[in-house]
């Protein structure tokens, strides 16, 4: 969530090998375009980058060889792509090794209570804290859609939580992941984060941190590493989002389309993990929701980001800005790193559905707030789905 203090220490070392690339995201002009053909193995077994992708990357001043060799660490203002259409995320194979994953920091800062403007008409009393409970291992048996998002920013390697969601255009074969906007884009004062990747069921066996120091990549990421070949967040988050104070939080959501780091195995993400959640839009009123369950990998003290936790509570309402939609709020002691994690409740058909995601929480870590998913969220979801229809 965009709450809390600094996380674990950021790691460095970059293992830069083979890479594929993605092009720009949708704008009003190209929202109906299909993405370029994915990179494919050449006769020598190496990845071949389609010429059109190379050209479009060059338009952003990105040279693939230089990017692979560390140019991605250049966060100069003119190199930090910001606009919605500018998402570019070349795969750097083996970049996210177990050490780098383990040491990634959370990107968020705590919200001071006085930062929340409040509105007596739409803000309910602060909920009582609900103690986060550890999800029983293996996580895949209990929350197969949940995982971690890793990415790089100017301050180092960072981490959030995320959820595999259904893709209307590819039933049963989704490669879509739901998370918070601040887990893919820095908001008003920044641009797209880099090296965005999703790891479902991270540390599936719930190994202690000490054991993770010697864990293999297969133990840490048993269902693989999936790179974001497309991401989209709200225009409101891009225009208003900030790391503190809750600015842009009512629109703090994002959808990532992913592809396997090592190349296609013929299986989608949904087929690989065996599940994906539907997304419930139309923002149900809090009075109609018996309870919500938030899932994530909290990383701020007393947690260390290596294990999955959940909180369940009946939601209330929180107003960050009177002119913006109210947010859902639940009692929960999860801290930063749980940002982006899915909130699940009964959908209109009575079955579990994703209804929100963790966005903000206070310094005291007693509650979490997440956006209500309305037309803006549905628009993003639908656009990403259409981009990859039939693929």
Protein backbone atom coordinates (compact mmCIF):
# COMPACT_ATOMS: atom_id res chain seq x y z
CA UNK A 1 0.00 0.00 0.00
CA UNK A 2 1.14 3.52 -0.42
CA UNK A 3 1.67 3.65 3.28
CA UNK A 4 4.62 3.03 5.55
CA UNK A 5 8.35 3.48 6.14
CA UNK A 6 11.42 2.29 4.17
CA UNK A 7 11.61 -1.44 3.49
CA UNK A 8 14.51 -3.84 3.19
CA UNK A 9 17.78 -2.80 1.60
CA UNK A 10 17.75 -2.57 -2.18
CA UNK A 11 19.95 -4.98 -4.04
CA UNK A 12 22.12 -4.08 -6.98
CA UNK A 13 23.62 -6.58 -9.42
CA UNK A 14 22.02 -6.87 -12.79
CA UNK A 15 22.20 -10.10 -14.75
CA UNK A 16 21.47 -8.85 -18.26
CA UNK A 17 21.10 -11.51 -20.89
CA UNK A 18 18.51 -12.16 -23.59
CA UNK A 19 15.66 -9.70 -23.92
CA UNK A 20 12.39 -9.15 -25.66
CA UNK A 21 10.58 -5.85 -25.79
CA UNK A 22 7.20 -4.22 -25.77
CA UNK A 23 6.03 -1.11 -27.46
CA UNK A 24 3.88 1.87 -26.46
CA UNK A 25 0.58 1.60 -24.66
CA UNK A 26 -2.78 2.71 -26.05
CA UNK A 27 -3.77 6.30 -26.68
CA UNK A 28 -7.03 7.60 -28.07
CA UNK A 29 -5.51 7.31 -31.53
CA UNK A 30 -4.14 3.78 -31.30
CA UNK A 31 -6.33 2.22 -28.61
CA UNK A 32 -7.64 -0.33 -31.08
CA UNK A 33 -4.25 -1.33 -32.45
CA UNK A 34 -2.83 -4.78 -31.81
CA UNK A 35 0.57 -5.01 -30.13
CA UNK A 36 3.49 -5.91 -32.32
CA UNK A 37 4.46 -9.52 -32.76
CA UNK A 38 6.34 -10.88 -29.75
CA UNK A 39 10.03 -11.56 -29.94
CA UNK A 40 10.75 -15.05 -31.18
CA UNK A 41 13.72 -17.41 -31.03
CA UNK A 42 16.04 -17.30 -34.01
CA UNK A 43 17.76 -20.32 -35.48
CA UNK A 44 20.62 -19.87 -33.04
CA UNK A 45 18.29 -20.02 -30.07
CA UNK A 46 18.63 -16.32 -29.22
CA UNK A 47 15.75 -13.90 -29.03
CA UNK A 48 15.08 -11.89 -32.18
CA UNK A 49 13.54 -8.45 -31.63
CA UNK A 50 11.01 -7.49 -34.33
CA UNK A 51 12.23 -4.50 -36.36
CA UNK A 52 9.13 -2.44 -35.62
CA UNK A 53 9.71 -2.83 -31.88
CA UNK A 54 13.32 -1.75 -32.29
CA UNK A 55 12.19 1.32 -34.20
CA UNK A 56 9.57 2.25 -31.65
CA UNK A 57 12.03 1.83 -28.80
CA UNK A 58 14.50 4.05 -30.67
CA UNK A 59 11.78 6.71 -30.81
CA UNK A 60 12.14 6.85 -27.04
CA UNK A 61 15.93 6.99 -27.27
CA UNK A 62 16.27 3.42 -26.01
CA UNK A 63 19.06 1.31 -27.48
CA UNK A 64 18.43 -2.33 -26.57
CA UNK A 65 22.08 -3.25 -26.11
CA UNK A 66 22.74 -0.24 -23.91
CA UNK A 67 19.51 -0.88 -21.99
CA UNK A 68 20.54 -4.48 -21.37
CA UNK A 69 23.98 -3.36 -20.20
CA UNK A 70 22.60 -1.02 -17.56
CA UNK A 71 21.19 2.02 -19.35
CA UNK A 72 17.83 1.23 -17.69
CA UNK A 73 19.39 2.64 -14.50
CA UNK A 74 19.53 6.11 -16.09
CA UNK A 75 16.70 8.03 -14.42
CA UNK A 76 17.42 11.40 -16.00
CA UNK A 77 14.21 13.37 -16.38
CA UNK A 78 14.29 13.12 -20.17
CA UNK A 79 14.83 9.35 -20.00
CA UNK A 80 12.01 8.59 -17.59
CA UNK A 81 9.04 7.88 -19.85
CA UNK A 82 5.91 9.32 -18.34
CA UNK A 83 2.88 9.40 -20.64
CA UNK A 84 0.30 6.60 -20.76
CA UNK A 85 1.38 5.72 -24.31
CA UNK A 86 5.06 5.47 -23.34
CA UNK A 87 5.14 2.14 -21.47
CA UNK A 88 8.25 0.18 -22.52
CA UNK A 89 9.58 -2.82 -20.60
CA UNK A 90 12.21 -4.95 -22.39
CA UNK A 91 12.78 -8.31 -20.71
CA UNK A 92 16.20 -8.67 -19.09
CA UNK A 93 16.45 -12.38 -18.50
CA UNK A 94 17.51 -13.49 -15.00
CA UNK A 95 17.54 -9.90 -13.69
CA UNK A 96 15.16 -10.88 -10.91
CA UNK A 97 17.21 -13.48 -9.10
CA UNK A 98 16.30 -14.67 -5.56
CA UNK A 99 18.57 -12.15 -3.83
CA UNK A 100 17.18 -9.22 -5.79
CA UNK A 101 13.62 -10.33 -5.13
CA UNK A 102 14.27 -10.81 -1.43
CA UNK A 103 15.84 -7.38 -0.99
CA UNK A 104 13.35 -5.32 -3.00
CA UNK A 105 11.91 -2.32 -1.15
CA UNK A 106 8.33 -1.16 -0.96
CA UNK A 107 7.65 2.01 -2.97
CA UNK A 108 5.20 3.59 -0.59
CA UNK A 109 5.18 6.07 2.24
CA UNK A 110 2.78 6.24 5.20
CA UNK A 111 -0.22 8.51 5.19
CA UNK A 112 -0.48 10.82 8.19
CA UNK A 113 -4.03 11.05 9.50
CA UNK A 114 -3.98 14.81 8.95
CA UNK A 115 -3.21 14.21 5.25
CA UNK A 116 -6.71 12.80 4.81
CA UNK A 117 -9.08 15.69 4.27
CA UNK A 118 -12.12 13.70 5.30
CA UNK A 119 -15.76 14.48 4.71
CA UNK A 120 -18.23 13.69 7.46
CA UNK A 121 -20.82 12.75 4.85
CA UNK A 122 -18.79 9.92 3.32
CA UNK A 123 -16.07 9.02 5.79
CA UNK A 124 -16.99 6.41 8.38
CA UNK A 125 -15.30 6.11 11.78
CA UNK A 126 -11.78 4.66 11.71
CA UNK A 127 -12.10 0.86 11.86
CA UNK A 128 -10.59 -1.15 14.66
CA UNK A 129 -7.30 -2.81 13.62
CA UNK A 130 -7.64 -6.37 12.34
CA UNK A 131 -4.55 -8.50 12.93
CA UNK A 132 -3.15 -9.84 9.67
CA UNK A 133 -3.08 -13.65 9.55
CA UNK A 134 -0.47 -15.69 7.71
CA UNK A 135 -1.79 -17.60 4.71
CA UNK A 136 -1.10 -21.32 5.22
CA UNK A 137 1.60 -22.72 2.93
CA UNK A 138 1.71 -23.77 0.22
CA UNK A 139 0.22 -20.43 -0.81
CA UNK A 140 -0.81 -21.82 -4.17
CA UNK A 141 -3.32 -24.11 -2.45
CA UNK A 142 -4.98 -21.24 -0.59
CA UNK A 143 -4.54 -18.09 -2.71
CA UNK A 144 -3.32 -19.24 -6.14
CA UNK A 145 -4.09 -15.89 -7.80
CA UNK A 146 -1.85 -13.87 -5.44
CA UNK A 147 1.77 -12.94 -5.98
CA UNK A 148 4.34 -10.19 -6.01
CA UNK A 149 5.18 -7.47 -8.52
CA UNK A 150 8.85 -6.45 -8.72
CA UNK A 151 10.11 -3.31 -10.43
CA UNK A 152 12.93 -0.77 -10.45
CA UNK A 153 12.77 2.95 -9.70
CA UNK A 154 15.32 5.70 -9.03
CA UNK A 155 15.68 4.57 -5.41
CA UNK A 156 16.34 0.92 -6.26
CA UNK A 157 14.45 -2.35 -6.52
CA UNK A 158 10.90 -2.27 -5.23
CA UNK A 159 8.01 -4.63 -4.60
CA UNK A 160 4.20 -4.69 -4.42
CA UNK A 161 1.50 -7.34 -4.34
CA UNK A 162 -0.83 -8.30 -7.19
CA UNK A 163 -3.56 -10.68 -8.36
CA UNK A 164 -4.15 -12.80 -11.47
CA UNK A 165 -7.48 -11.72 -12.99
CA UNK A 166 -9.62 -13.11 -15.79
CA UNK A 167 -9.29 -11.83 -19.35
CA UNK A 168 -12.67 -11.48 -21.12
CA UNK A 169 -10.99 -11.76 -24.53
CA UNK A 170 -9.12 -14.96 -23.62
CA UNK A 171 -11.40 -17.07 -21.38
CA UNK A 172 -9.44 -19.55 -19.29
CA UNK A 173 -6.16 -18.26 -20.69
CA UNK A 174 -5.60 -14.93 -18.99
CA UNK A 175 -2.21 -13.22 -18.81
CA UNK A 176 -3.59 -10.25 -16.90
CA UNK A 177 -2.56 -9.07 -13.43
CA UNK A 178 -4.26 -6.44 -11.24
CA UNK A 179 -2.25 -4.18 -8.94
CA UNK A 180 -2.02 -0.56 -7.74
CA UNK A 181 -1.17 2.31 -10.07
CA UNK A 182 1.73 3.34 -7.83
CA UNK A 183 3.28 -0.09 -8.43
CA UNK A 184 3.80 0.63 -12.13
CA UNK A 185 3.97 4.44 -12.40
CA UNK A 186 5.39 7.10 -10.05
CA UNK A 187 2.51 9.50 -10.64
CA UNK A 188 2.65 13.29 -10.94
CA UNK A 189 6.40 13.69 -10.42
CA UNK A 190 7.66 10.64 -12.31
CA UNK A 191 6.95 8.09 -14.98
CA UNK A 192 6.77 4.36 -15.68
CA UNK A 193 8.83 2.10 -13.47
CA UNK A 194 11.16 -0.36 -15.18
CA UNK A 195 11.78 -4.10 -15.25
CA UNK A 196 8.22 -4.78 -14.06
CA UNK A 197 7.70 -8.49 -13.41
CA UNK A 198 5.13 -10.64 -11.61
CA UNK A 199 5.92 -13.72 -9.52
CA UNK A 200 2.83 -15.78 -8.61
CA UNK A 201 2.91 -17.60 -5.26
CA UNK A 202 6.23 -16.03 -4.30
CA UNK A 203 7.94 -18.21 -1.64
CA UNK A 204 5.11 -20.72 -2.04
CA UNK A 205 6.33 -22.91 0.82
CA UNK A 206 6.53 -19.99 3.24
CA UNK A 207 10.22 -20.51 3.96
CA UNK A 208 11.75 -18.38 6.72
CA UNK A 209 13.86 -15.43 5.57
CA UNK A 210 17.06 -17.14 6.71
CA UNK A 211 16.36 -20.11 4.44
CA UNK A 212 15.51 -17.83 1.53
CA UNK A 213 19.10 -16.57 1.53
CA UNK A 214 20.11 -19.88 -0.05
CA UNK A 215 16.90 -20.61 -1.93
CA UNK A 216 16.90 -21.41 -5.64
CA UNK A 217 14.89 -19.39 -8.12
CA UNK A 218 12.54 -22.36 -8.48
CA UNK A 219 11.83 -22.31 -4.73
CA UNK A 220 11.21 -18.57 -4.71
CA UNK A 221 9.29 -18.47 -8.01
CA UNK A 222 7.85 -21.98 -8.53
CA UNK A 223 5.44 -20.77 -11.23
CA UNK A 224 7.97 -18.65 -13.04
CA UNK A 225 8.74 -14.98 -13.55
CA UNK A 226 6.31 -13.15 -15.83
CA UNK A 227 7.36 -9.82 -17.33
CA UNK A 228 4.92 -7.01 -17.99
CA UNK A 229 4.75 -6.58 -21.77
CA UNK A 230 2.01 -4.01 -21.30
CA UNK A 231 0.72 -1.92 -18.39
CA UNK A 232 -1.98 0.66 -18.00
CA UNK A 233 -3.02 2.86 -15.10
CA UNK A 234 -5.51 5.68 -14.79
CA UNK A 235 -4.89 9.11 -16.27
CA UNK A 236 -5.87 10.47 -12.85
CA UNK A 237 -3.06 8.55 -11.19
CA UNK A 238 -0.54 9.75 -13.78
CA UNK A 239 -1.71 13.35 -13.33
CA UNK A 240 -2.20 13.45 -9.55
CA UNK A 241 -0.55 10.44 -7.92
CA UNK A 242 2.00 10.99 -5.16
CA UNK A 243 3.99 8.81 -2.78
CA UNK A 244 2.55 10.53 0.29
CA UNK A 245 -0.69 12.10 1.42
CA UNK A 246 -3.08 9.92 -0.54
CA UNK A 247 -3.19 12.11 -3.65
CA UNK A 248 -4.68 10.15 -6.55
CA UNK A 249 -5.52 7.20 -4.30
CA UNK A 250 -9.18 6.86 -5.47
CA UNK A 251 -7.75 6.06 -8.93
CA UNK A 252 -4.76 4.03 -7.75
CA UNK A 253 -5.23 0.88 -9.82
CA UNK A 254 -3.45 -0.73 -12.78
CA UNK A 255 -3.58 -3.74 -15.09
CA UNK A 256 -0.44 -5.49 -16.31
CA UNK A 257 -0.38 -7.93 -19.21
CA UNK A 258 2.45 -10.42 -18.73
CA UNK A 259 4.52 -12.88 -20.71
CA UNK A 260 6.86 -15.64 -19.40
CA UNK A 261 10.46 -14.52 -19.05
CA UNK A 262 11.92 -17.66 -20.62
CA UNK A 263 9.60 -17.65 -23.62
CA UNK A 264 6.22 -19.22 -24.22
CA UNK A 265 5.54 -22.71 -22.90
CA UNK A 266 2.14 -22.75 -24.58
CA UNK A 267 0.43 -22.09 -21.24
CA UNK A 268 -1.05 -18.80 -20.09
CA UNK A 269 -0.55 -17.42 -16.60
CA UNK A 270 -4.06 -18.50 -15.63
CA UNK A 271 -3.40 -22.04 -16.87
CA UNK A 272 -0.03 -22.10 -15.09
CA UNK A 273 -1.40 -21.14 -11.67
CA UNK A 274 -4.75 -22.83 -12.26
CA UNK A 275 -6.95 -19.87 -11.40
CA UNK A 276 -7.87 -16.23 -12.06
CA UNK A 277 -10.39 -13.98 -10.37
CA UNK A 278 -13.17 -12.08 -12.12
CA UNK A 279 -13.18 -8.32 -11.50
CA UNK A 280 -16.35 -6.77 -10.10
CA UNK A 281 -16.93 -3.20 -11.27
CA UNK A 282 -19.99 -1.03 -10.49
CA UNK A 283 -18.51 -0.36 -7.02
CA UNK A 284 -20.96 -2.07 -4.66
CA UNK A 285 -22.04 0.02 -1.65
CA UNK A 286 -20.37 -0.88 1.64
CA UNK A 287 -23.76 -1.74 3.13
CA UNK A 288 -24.08 -4.55 0.59
CA UNK A 289 -20.70 -6.16 1.37
CA UNK A 290 -20.55 -8.52 4.33
CA UNK A 291 -16.75 -8.56 4.34
CA UNK A 292 -13.68 -8.16 2.17
CA UNK A 293 -10.45 -10.14 2.30
CA UNK A 294 -7.23 -8.29 1.47
CA UNK A 295 -4.18 -10.37 0.53
CA UNK A 296 -0.58 -9.25 0.25
CA UNK A 297 3.07 -9.54 1.19
CA UNK A 298 3.55 -6.81 3.85
CA UNK A 299 7.17 -5.69 4.10
CA UNK A 300 7.25 -2.86 6.64
CA UNK A 301 7.99 -3.75 10.29
CA UNK A 302 7.05 -6.06 11.91
CA UNK A 303 6.82 -7.93 8.58
CA UNK A 304 9.71 -8.61 6.20
CA UNK A 305 7.93 -9.03 2.86
CA UNK A 306 8.71 -12.71 2.44
CA UNK A 307 5.38 -14.23 3.50
CA UNK A 308 1.76 -13.87 2.44
CA UNK A 309 -0.86 -12.48 4.82
CA UNK A 310 -4.57 -11.67 4.79
CA UNK A 311 -7.05 -9.47 6.64
CA UNK A 312 -10.83 -9.84 6.60
CA UNK A 313 -13.21 -7.08 7.68
CA UNK A 314 -16.49 -5.40 6.80
CA UNK A 315 -15.58 -2.28 4.81
CA UNK A 316 -16.37 1.32 5.64
CA UNK A 317 -15.95 4.48 3.57
CA UNK A 318 -13.03 6.91 3.36
CA UNK A 319 -12.99 10.22 1.52
CA UNK A 320 -9.56 11.53 0.53
CA UNK A 321 -10.95 14.41 -1.52
CA UNK A 322 -14.58 15.52 -1.47
CA UNK A 323 -14.74 15.81 -5.26
CA UNK A 324 -13.42 12.29 -5.84
CA UNK A 325 -15.01 8.86 -5.25
CA UNK A 326 -14.95 7.50 -1.73
CA UNK A 327 -12.65 4.56 -1.07
CA UNK A 328 -13.25 1.30 0.75
CA UNK A 329 -11.51 1.04 4.13
CA UNK A 330 -10.96 -1.98 6.36
CA UNK A 331 -9.15 -2.62 9.60
CA UNK A 332 -5.81 -4.37 8.88
CA UNK A 333 -2.30 -4.40 10.33
CA UNK A 334 -0.56 -5.18 7.02
CA UNK A 335 2.11 -2.65 6.07
CA UNK A 336 3.87 -1.45 2.90
CA UNK A 337 4.59 -4.11 0.31
CA UNK A 338 0.98 -5.25 0.54
CA UNK A 339 0.20 -2.41 -1.90
CA UNK A 340 -1.63 -3.58 -4.98
CA UNK A 341 -2.80 -6.78 -3.35
CA UNK A 342 -6.34 -7.82 -4.24
CA UNK A 343 -9.44 -7.29 -2.13
CA UNK A 344 -11.90 -10.13 -2.64
CA UNK A 345 -15.62 -10.23 -1.85
CA UNK A 346 -18.67 -12.03 -3.15
CA UNK A 347 -19.56 -10.82 -6.65
CA UNK A 348 -23.04 -10.42 -8.05
CA UNK A 349 -23.13 -14.17 -8.74
CA UNK A 350 -22.15 -14.93 -5.14
CA UNK A 351 -18.69 -16.20 -6.15
CA UNK A 352 -15.36 -14.60 -5.11
CA UNK A 353 -14.37 -11.57 -7.19
CA UNK A 354 -11.73 -8.88 -7.01
CA UNK A 355 -13.43 -5.65 -5.89
CA UNK A 356 -10.48 -3.41 -4.98
CA UNK A 357 -6.75 -3.32 -4.25
CA UNK A 358 -4.64 -2.00 -1.41
CA UNK A 359 -3.66 1.62 -2.00
CA UNK A 360 -2.99 3.56 1.21
CA UNK A 361 -2.71 3.09 4.96
CA UNK A 362 -1.61 5.16 7.97
CA UNK A 363 1.71 5.34 9.80
CA UNK A 364 0.06 3.41 12.61
CA UNK A 365 -0.72 0.52 10.19
CA UNK A 366 -4.17 -0.09 11.66
CA UNK A 367 -6.20 0.15 8.45
CA UNK A 368 -5.98 -0.07 4.67
CA UNK A 369 -7.93 1.75 1.97
CA UNK A 370 -8.56 0.75 -1.61
CA UNK A 371 -10.28 2.38 -4.60
CA UNK A 372 -13.84 1.62 -5.63
CA UNK A 373 -13.68 0.19 -9.14
CA UNK A 374 -15.92 2.10 -11.51
CA UNK A 375 -15.92 3.21 -15.14
CA UNK A 376 -12.28 4.33 -15.16
CA UNK A 377 -11.07 0.98 -13.83
CA UNK A 378 -13.29 -0.95 -16.23
CA UNK A 379 -12.01 1.12 -19.16
CA UNK A 380 -8.41 0.22 -18.37
CA UNK A 381 -9.27 -3.45 -17.88
CA UNK A 382 -11.19 -3.64 -21.15
CA UNK A 383 -8.50 -1.86 -23.17
CA UNK A 384 -5.75 -4.18 -21.99
CA UNK A 385 -7.95 -7.20 -22.70
CA UNK A 386 -8.77 -6.00 -26.23
CA UNK A 387 -5.12 -5.31 -27.00
CA UNK A 388 -4.33 -8.97 -26.63
CA UNK A 389 -7.57 -10.49 -27.89
CA UNK A 390 -6.94 -13.86 -29.48
CA UNK A 391 -3.34 -14.08 -28.31
